[in-house]
Amino acid sequence: MRTSRLFGYQQLHEGAVLITRQCRTVNVVRGQEQVSELLSALKSEDAQVVLSRYANGARATASPAR
């Protein structure tokens, strides 16, 4: 059985990463630090889980409670 891939990504020439869901843009990750975090997470974790997290606007690292 083949699993479908909902999320995809493309690194743009300006350094940003475009995140898509079913070929529609859902988020753009900008900034050298954030892009580096995303790309390293994609290498070490399940890409669909990582892209889902970033598509929903969440960062890879938890922010301190306020």
PDB file of N, CA and C in Angstrom:
ATOM      1  N   MET A   1       0.843  -1.184   0.000  1.00  0.00           N
ATOM      2  CA  MET A   1       0.000   0.000   0.000  1.00  0.00           C
ATOM      3  C   MET A   1       0.887   1.246   0.000  1.00  0.00           C
ATOM      4  N   ARG A   2       0.563   2.173  -0.835  1.00  0.00           N
ATOM      5  CA  ARG A   2       1.355   3.390  -0.964  1.00  0.00           C
ATOM      6  C   ARG A   2       0.751   4.485  -0.096  1.00  0.00           C
ATOM      7  N   THR A   3       1.594   5.158   0.671  1.00  0.00           N
ATOM      8  CA  THR A   3       1.113   6.261   1.497  1.00  0.00           C
ATOM      9  C   THR A   3       1.246   7.564   0.731  1.00  0.00           C
ATOM     10  N   SER A   4       0.287   8.428   0.913  1.00  0.00           N
ATOM     11  CA  SER A   4       0.332   9.701   0.199  1.00  0.00           C
ATOM     12  C   SER A   4       1.142  10.718   0.994  1.00  0.00           C
ATOM     13  N   ARG A   5       1.781  11.586   0.288  1.00  0.00           N
ATOM     14  CA  ARG A   5       2.541  12.666   0.903  1.00  0.00           C
ATOM     15  C   ARG A   5       1.744  13.947   0.750  1.00  0.00           C
ATOM     16  N   LEU A   6       1.286  14.468   1.859  1.00  0.00           N
ATOM     17  CA  LEU A   6       0.508  15.705   1.818  1.00  0.00           C
ATOM     18  C   LEU A   6       1.400  16.928   1.689  1.00  0.00           C
ATOM     19  N   PHE A   7       2.524  16.912   2.412  1.00  0.00           N
ATOM     20  CA  PHE A   7       3.373  18.095   2.496  1.00  0.00           C
ATOM     21  C   PHE A   7       4.599  17.970   1.609  1.00  0.00           C
ATOM     22  N   GLY A   8       5.042  19.118   1.117  1.00  0.00           N
ATOM     23  CA  GLY A   8       6.268  19.199   0.343  1.00  0.00           C
ATOM     24  C   GLY A   8       6.974  20.503   0.686  1.00  0.00           C
ATOM     25  N   TYR A   9       8.192  20.641   0.212  1.00  0.00           N
ATOM     26  CA  TYR A   9       8.916  21.888   0.459  1.00  0.00           C
ATOM     27  C   TYR A   9       9.853  22.175  -0.696  1.00  0.00           C
ATOM     28  N   GLN A  10      10.202  23.447  -0.810  1.00  0.00           N
ATOM     29  CA  GLN A  10      11.140  23.889  -1.833  1.00  0.00           C
ATOM     30  C   GLN A  10      11.969  25.021  -1.253  1.00  0.00           C
ATOM     31  N   GLN A  11      13.284  24.894  -1.365  1.00  0.00           N
ATOM     32  CA  GLN A  11      14.155  25.959  -0.904  1.00  0.00           C
ATOM     33  C   GLN A  11      14.295  26.976  -2.023  1.00  0.00           C
ATOM     34  N   LEU A  12      13.960  28.220  -1.723  1.00  0.00           N
ATOM     35  CA  LEU A  12      13.993  29.286  -2.717  1.00  0.00           C
ATOM     36  C   LEU A  12      15.398  29.876  -2.829  1.00  0.00           C
ATOM     37  N   HIS A  13      15.674  30.546  -3.935  1.00  0.00           N
ATOM     38  CA  HIS A  13      17.006  31.110  -4.169  1.00  0.00           C
ATOM     39  C   HIS A  13      17.387  32.158  -3.136  1.00  0.00           C
ATOM     40  N   GLU A  14      16.404  32.804  -2.525  1.00  0.00           N
ATOM     41  CA  GLU A  14      16.680  33.824  -1.517  1.00  0.00           C
ATOM     42  C   GLU A  14      17.006  33.229  -0.148  1.00  0.00           C
ATOM     43  N   GLY A  15      16.889  31.892  -0.024  1.00  0.00           N
ATOM     44  CA  GLY A  15      17.222  31.220   1.222  1.00  0.00           C
ATOM     45  C   GLY A  15      16.011  30.790   2.025  1.00  0.00           C
ATOM     46  N   ALA A  16      14.842  31.289   1.695  1.00  0.00           N
ATOM     47  CA  ALA A  16      13.622  30.897   2.398  1.00  0.00           C
ATOM     48  C   ALA A  16      13.193  29.503   1.944  1.00  0.00           C
ATOM     49  N   VAL A  17      12.344  28.851   2.758  1.00  0.00           N
ATOM     50  CA  VAL A  17      11.804  27.542   2.404  1.00  0.00           C
ATOM     51  C   VAL A  17      10.289  27.654   2.324  1.00  0.00           C
ATOM     52  N   LEU A  18       9.757  27.264   1.183  1.00  0.00           N
ATOM     53  CA  LEU A  18       8.329  27.279   0.928  1.00  0.00           C
ATOM     54  C   LEU A  18       7.754  25.919   1.311  1.00  0.00           C
ATOM     55  N   ILE A  19       6.742  25.894   2.178  1.00  0.00           N
ATOM     56  CA  ILE A  19       6.096  24.648   2.586  1.00  0.00           C
ATOM     57  C   ILE A  19       4.728  24.586   1.916  1.00  0.00           C
ATOM     58  N   THR A  20       4.455  23.441   1.286  1.00  0.00           N
ATOM     59  CA  THR A  20       3.191  23.269   0.579  1.00  0.00           C
ATOM     60  C   THR A  20       2.420  22.074   1.146  1.00  0.00           C
ATOM     61  N   ARG A  21       1.108  22.157   0.983  1.00  0.00           N
ATOM     62  CA  ARG A  21       0.238  21.028   1.313  1.00  0.00           C
ATOM     63  C   ARG A  21      -0.646  20.818   0.100  1.00  0.00           C
ATOM     64  N   GLN A  22      -0.528  19.653  -0.513  1.00  0.00           N
ATOM     65  CA  GLN A  22      -1.242  19.330  -1.746  1.00  0.00           C
ATOM     66  C   GLN A  22      -1.052  20.437  -2.788  1.00  0.00           C
ATOM     67  N   CYS A  23       0.190  20.832  -2.975  1.00  0.00           N
ATOM     68  CA  CYS A  23       0.621  21.817  -3.987  1.00  0.00           C
ATOM     69  C   CYS A  23       0.161  23.248  -3.709  1.00  0.00           C
ATOM     70  N   ARG A  24      -0.337  23.516  -2.521  1.00  0.00           N
ATOM     71  CA  ARG A  24      -0.730  24.886  -2.156  1.00  0.00           C
ATOM     72  C   ARG A  24       0.180  25.393  -1.057  1.00  0.00           C
ATOM     73  N   THR A  25       0.613  26.621  -1.176  1.00  0.00           N
ATOM     74  CA  THR A  25       1.502  27.212  -0.183  1.00  0.00           C
ATOM     75  C   THR A  25       0.783  27.368   1.147  1.00  0.00           C
ATOM     76  N   VAL A  26       1.394  26.845   2.217  1.00  0.00           N
ATOM     77  CA  VAL A  26       0.803  26.989   3.546  1.00  0.00           C
ATOM     78  C   VAL A  26       1.681  27.812   4.483  1.00  0.00           C
ATOM     79  N   ASN A  27       2.977  27.907   4.197  1.00  0.00           N
ATOM     80  CA  ASN A  27       3.871  28.684   5.053  1.00  0.00           C
ATOM     81  C   ASN A  27       5.180  28.930   4.313  1.00  0.00           C
ATOM     82  N   VAL A  28       5.855  29.990   4.705  1.00  0.00           N
ATOM     83  CA  VAL A  28       7.200  30.272   4.199  1.00  0.00           C
ATOM     84  C   VAL A  28       8.077  30.491   5.419  1.00  0.00           C
ATOM     85  N   VAL A  29       9.144  29.700   5.520  1.00  0.00           N
ATOM     86  CA  VAL A  29      10.081  29.823   6.629  1.00  0.00           C
ATOM     87  C   VAL A  29      11.216  30.707   6.157  1.00  0.00           C
ATOM     88  N   ARG A  30      11.437  31.796   6.900  1.00  0.00           N
ATOM     89  CA  ARG A  30      12.489  32.752   6.544  1.00  0.00           C
ATOM     90  C   ARG A  30      13.463  32.896   7.704  1.00  0.00           C
ATOM     91  N   GLY A  31      14.613  33.405   7.405  1.00  0.00           N
ATOM     92  CA  GLY A  31      15.640  33.621   8.423  1.00  0.00           C
ATOM     93  C   GLY A  31      16.598  32.454   8.447  1.00  0.00           C
ATOM     94  N   GLN A  32      17.859  32.767   8.477  1.00  0.00           N
ATOM     95  CA  GLN A  32      18.893  31.746   8.378  1.00  0.00           C
ATOM     96  C   GLN A  32      18.786  30.702   9.492  1.00  0.00           C
ATOM     97  N   GLU A  33      18.537  31.145  10.719  1.00  0.00           N
ATOM     98  CA  GLU A  33      18.450  30.210  11.842  1.00  0.00           C
ATOM     99  C   GLU A  33      17.245  29.275  11.712  1.00  0.00           C
ATOM    100  N   GLN A  34      16.084  29.833  11.359  1.00  0.00           N
ATOM    101  CA  GLN A  34      14.876  29.028  11.237  1.00  0.00           C
ATOM    102  C   GLN A  34      14.984  28.047  10.071  1.00  0.00           C
ATOM    103  N   VAL A  35      15.545  28.493   8.965  1.00  0.00           N
ATOM    104  CA  VAL A  35      15.716  27.614   7.814  1.00  0.00           C
ATOM    105  C   VAL A  35      16.682  26.486   8.151  1.00  0.00           C
ATOM    106  N   SER A  36      17.765  26.795   8.854  1.00  0.00           N
ATOM    107  CA  SER A  36      18.732  25.760   9.254  1.00  0.00           C
ATOM    108  C   SER A  36      18.085  24.731  10.167  1.00  0.00           C
ATOM    109  N   GLU A  37      17.269  25.200  11.123  1.00  0.00           N
ATOM    110  CA  GLU A  37      16.561  24.284  12.025  1.00  0.00           C
ATOM    111  C   GLU A  37      15.633  23.360  11.246  1.00  0.00           C
ATOM    112  N   LEU A  38      14.893  23.931  10.308  1.00  0.00           N
ATOM    113  CA  LEU A  38      13.960  23.142   9.508  1.00  0.00           C
ATOM    114  C   LEU A  38      14.694  22.089   8.687  1.00  0.00           C
ATOM    115  N   LEU A  39      15.737  22.486   7.991  1.00  0.00           N
ATOM    116  CA  LEU A  39      16.463  21.554   7.131  1.00  0.00           C
ATOM    117  C   LEU A  39      17.140  20.440   7.925  1.00  0.00           C
ATOM    118  N   SER A  40      17.670  20.766   9.105  1.00  0.00           N
ATOM    119  CA  SER A  40      18.290  19.710   9.912  1.00  0.00           C
ATOM    120  C   SER A  40      17.226  18.774  10.485  1.00  0.00           C
ATOM    121  N   ALA A  41      16.058  19.311  10.840  1.00  0.00           N
ATOM    122  CA  ALA A  41      14.964  18.464  11.328  1.00  0.00           C
ATOM    123  C   ALA A  41      14.475  17.541  10.217  1.00  0.00           C
ATOM    124  N   LEU A  42      14.446  18.028   8.988  1.00  0.00           N
ATOM    125  CA  LEU A  42      14.014  17.195   7.862  1.00  0.00           C
ATOM    126  C   LEU A  42      14.962  16.023   7.631  1.00  0.00           C
ATOM    127  N   LYS A  43      16.244  16.223   7.934  1.00  0.00           N
ATOM    128  CA  LYS A  43      17.231  15.158   7.758  1.00  0.00           C
ATOM    129  C   LYS A  43      17.150  14.111   8.856  1.00  0.00           C
ATOM    130  N   SER A  44      16.744  14.520  10.073  1.00  0.00           N
ATOM    131  CA  SER A  44      16.793  13.599  11.206  1.00  0.00           C
ATOM    132  C   SER A  44      15.433  13.036  11.634  1.00  0.00           C
ATOM    133  N   GLU A  45      14.337  13.604  11.142  1.00  0.00           N
ATOM    134  CA  GLU A  45      13.006  13.156  11.552  1.00  0.00           C
ATOM    135  C   GLU A  45      12.162  12.831  10.326  1.00  0.00           C
ATOM    136  N   ASP A  46      10.969  12.325  10.557  1.00  0.00           N
ATOM    137  CA  ASP A  46      10.013  12.066   9.469  1.00  0.00           C
ATOM    138  C   ASP A  46       9.626  13.399   8.837  1.00  0.00           C
ATOM    139  N   ALA A  47       9.869  13.525   7.541  1.00  0.00           N
ATOM    140  CA  ALA A  47       9.650  14.794   6.841  1.00  0.00           C
ATOM    141  C   ALA A  47       8.199  15.263   6.932  1.00  0.00           C
ATOM    142  N   GLN A  48       7.239  14.353   6.844  1.00  0.00           N
ATOM    143  CA  GLN A  48       5.831  14.747   6.890  1.00  0.00           C
ATOM    144  C   GLN A  48       5.453  15.321   8.252  1.00  0.00           C
ATOM    145  N   VAL A  49       6.004  14.776   9.312  1.00  0.00           N
ATOM    146  CA  VAL A  49       5.739  15.278  10.668  1.00  0.00           C
ATOM    147  C   VAL A  49       6.355  16.659  10.846  1.00  0.00           C
ATOM    148  N   VAL A  50       7.572  16.822  10.398  1.00  0.00           N
ATOM    149  CA  VAL A  50       8.270  18.110  10.513  1.00  0.00           C
ATOM    150  C   VAL A  50       7.540  19.183   9.706  1.00  0.00           C
ATOM    151  N   LEU A  51       7.198  18.874   8.476  1.00  0.00           N
ATOM    152  CA  LEU A  51       6.520  19.852   7.629  1.00  0.00           C
ATOM    153  C   LEU A  51       5.136  20.198   8.173  1.00  0.00           C
ATOM    154  N   SER A  52       4.463  19.230   8.749  1.00  0.00           N
ATOM    155  CA  SER A  52       3.165  19.494   9.377  1.00  0.00           C
ATOM    156  C   SER A  52       3.323  20.468  10.528  1.00  0.00           C
ATOM    157  N   ARG A  53       4.345  20.254  11.331  1.00  0.00           N
ATOM    158  CA  ARG A  53       4.607  21.130  12.473  1.00  0.00           C
ATOM    159  C   ARG A  53       4.896  22.556  12.008  1.00  0.00           C
ATOM    160  N   TYR A  54       5.734  22.693  10.999  1.00  0.00           N
ATOM    161  CA  TYR A  54       6.073  24.021  10.494  1.00  0.00           C
ATOM    162  C   TYR A  54       4.923  24.652   9.721  1.00  0.00           C
ATOM    163  N   ALA A  55       4.109  23.859   9.065  1.00  0.00           N
ATOM    164  CA  ALA A  55       2.961  24.389   8.329  1.00  0.00           C
ATOM    165  C   ALA A  55       1.956  25.028   9.276  1.00  0.00           C
ATOM    166  N   ASN A  56       1.875  24.499  10.480  1.00  0.00           N
ATOM    167  CA  ASN A  56       0.959  25.042  11.477  1.00  0.00           C
ATOM    168  C   ASN A  56       1.567  26.198  12.251  1.00  0.00           C
ATOM    169  N   GLY A  57       2.770  26.616  11.850  1.00  0.00           N
ATOM    170  CA  GLY A  57       3.394  27.778  12.469  1.00  0.00           C
ATOM    171  C   GLY A  57       4.204  27.476  13.717  1.00  0.00           C
ATOM    172  N   ALA A  58       4.293  26.222  14.091  1.00  0.00           N
ATOM    173  CA  ALA A  58       5.051  25.862  15.295  1.00  0.00           C
ATOM    174  C   ALA A  58       6.531  25.758  14.949  1.00  0.00           C
ATOM    175  N   ARG A  59       7.370  26.113  15.887  1.00  0.00           N
ATOM    176  CA  ARG A  59       8.813  25.982  15.698  1.00  0.00           C
ATOM    177  C   ARG A  59       9.245  24.609  16.169  1.00  0.00           C
ATOM    178  N   ALA A  60      10.388  24.177  15.719  1.00  0.00           N
ATOM    179  CA  ALA A  60      10.905  22.853  16.079  1.00  0.00           C
ATOM    180  C   ALA A  60      11.242  22.769  17.561  1.00  0.00           C
ATOM    181  N   THR A  61      11.653  23.870  18.135  1.00  0.00           N
ATOM    182  CA  THR A  61      12.003  23.875  19.551  1.00  0.00           C
ATOM    183  C   THR A  61      10.891  24.548  20.337  1.00  0.00           C
ATOM    184  N   ALA A  62      10.640  24.037  21.493  1.00  0.00           N
ATOM    185  CA  ALA A  62       9.567  24.598  22.321  1.00  0.00           C
ATOM    186  C   ALA A  62       9.997  25.953  22.870  1.00  0.00           C
ATOM    187  N   SER A  63       9.077  26.875  22.890  1.00  0.00           N
ATOM    188  CA  SER A  63       9.385  28.180  23.469  1.00  0.00           C
ATOM    189  C   SER A  63       9.008  28.163  24.944  1.00  0.00           C
ATOM    190  N   PRO A  64       9.697  28.933  25.765  1.00  0.00           N
ATOM    191  CA  PRO A  64       9.403  28.939  27.194  1.00  0.00           C
ATOM    192  C   PRO A  64       7.995  29.468  27.471  1.00  0.00           C
ATOM    193  N   ALA A  65       7.383  28.919  28.490  1.00  0.00           N
ATOM    194  CA  ALA A  65       6.038  29.359  28.872  1.00  0.00           C
ATOM    195  C   ALA A  65       6.085  30.776  29.413  1.00  0.00           C
ATOM    196  N   ARG A  66       5.047  31.536  29.128  1.00  0.00           N
ATOM    197  CA  ARG A  66       5.015  32.935  29.583  1.00  0.00           C
ATOM    198  C   ARG A  66       4.063  33.096  30.712  1.00  0.00           C
TER     199      ARG A  66
END
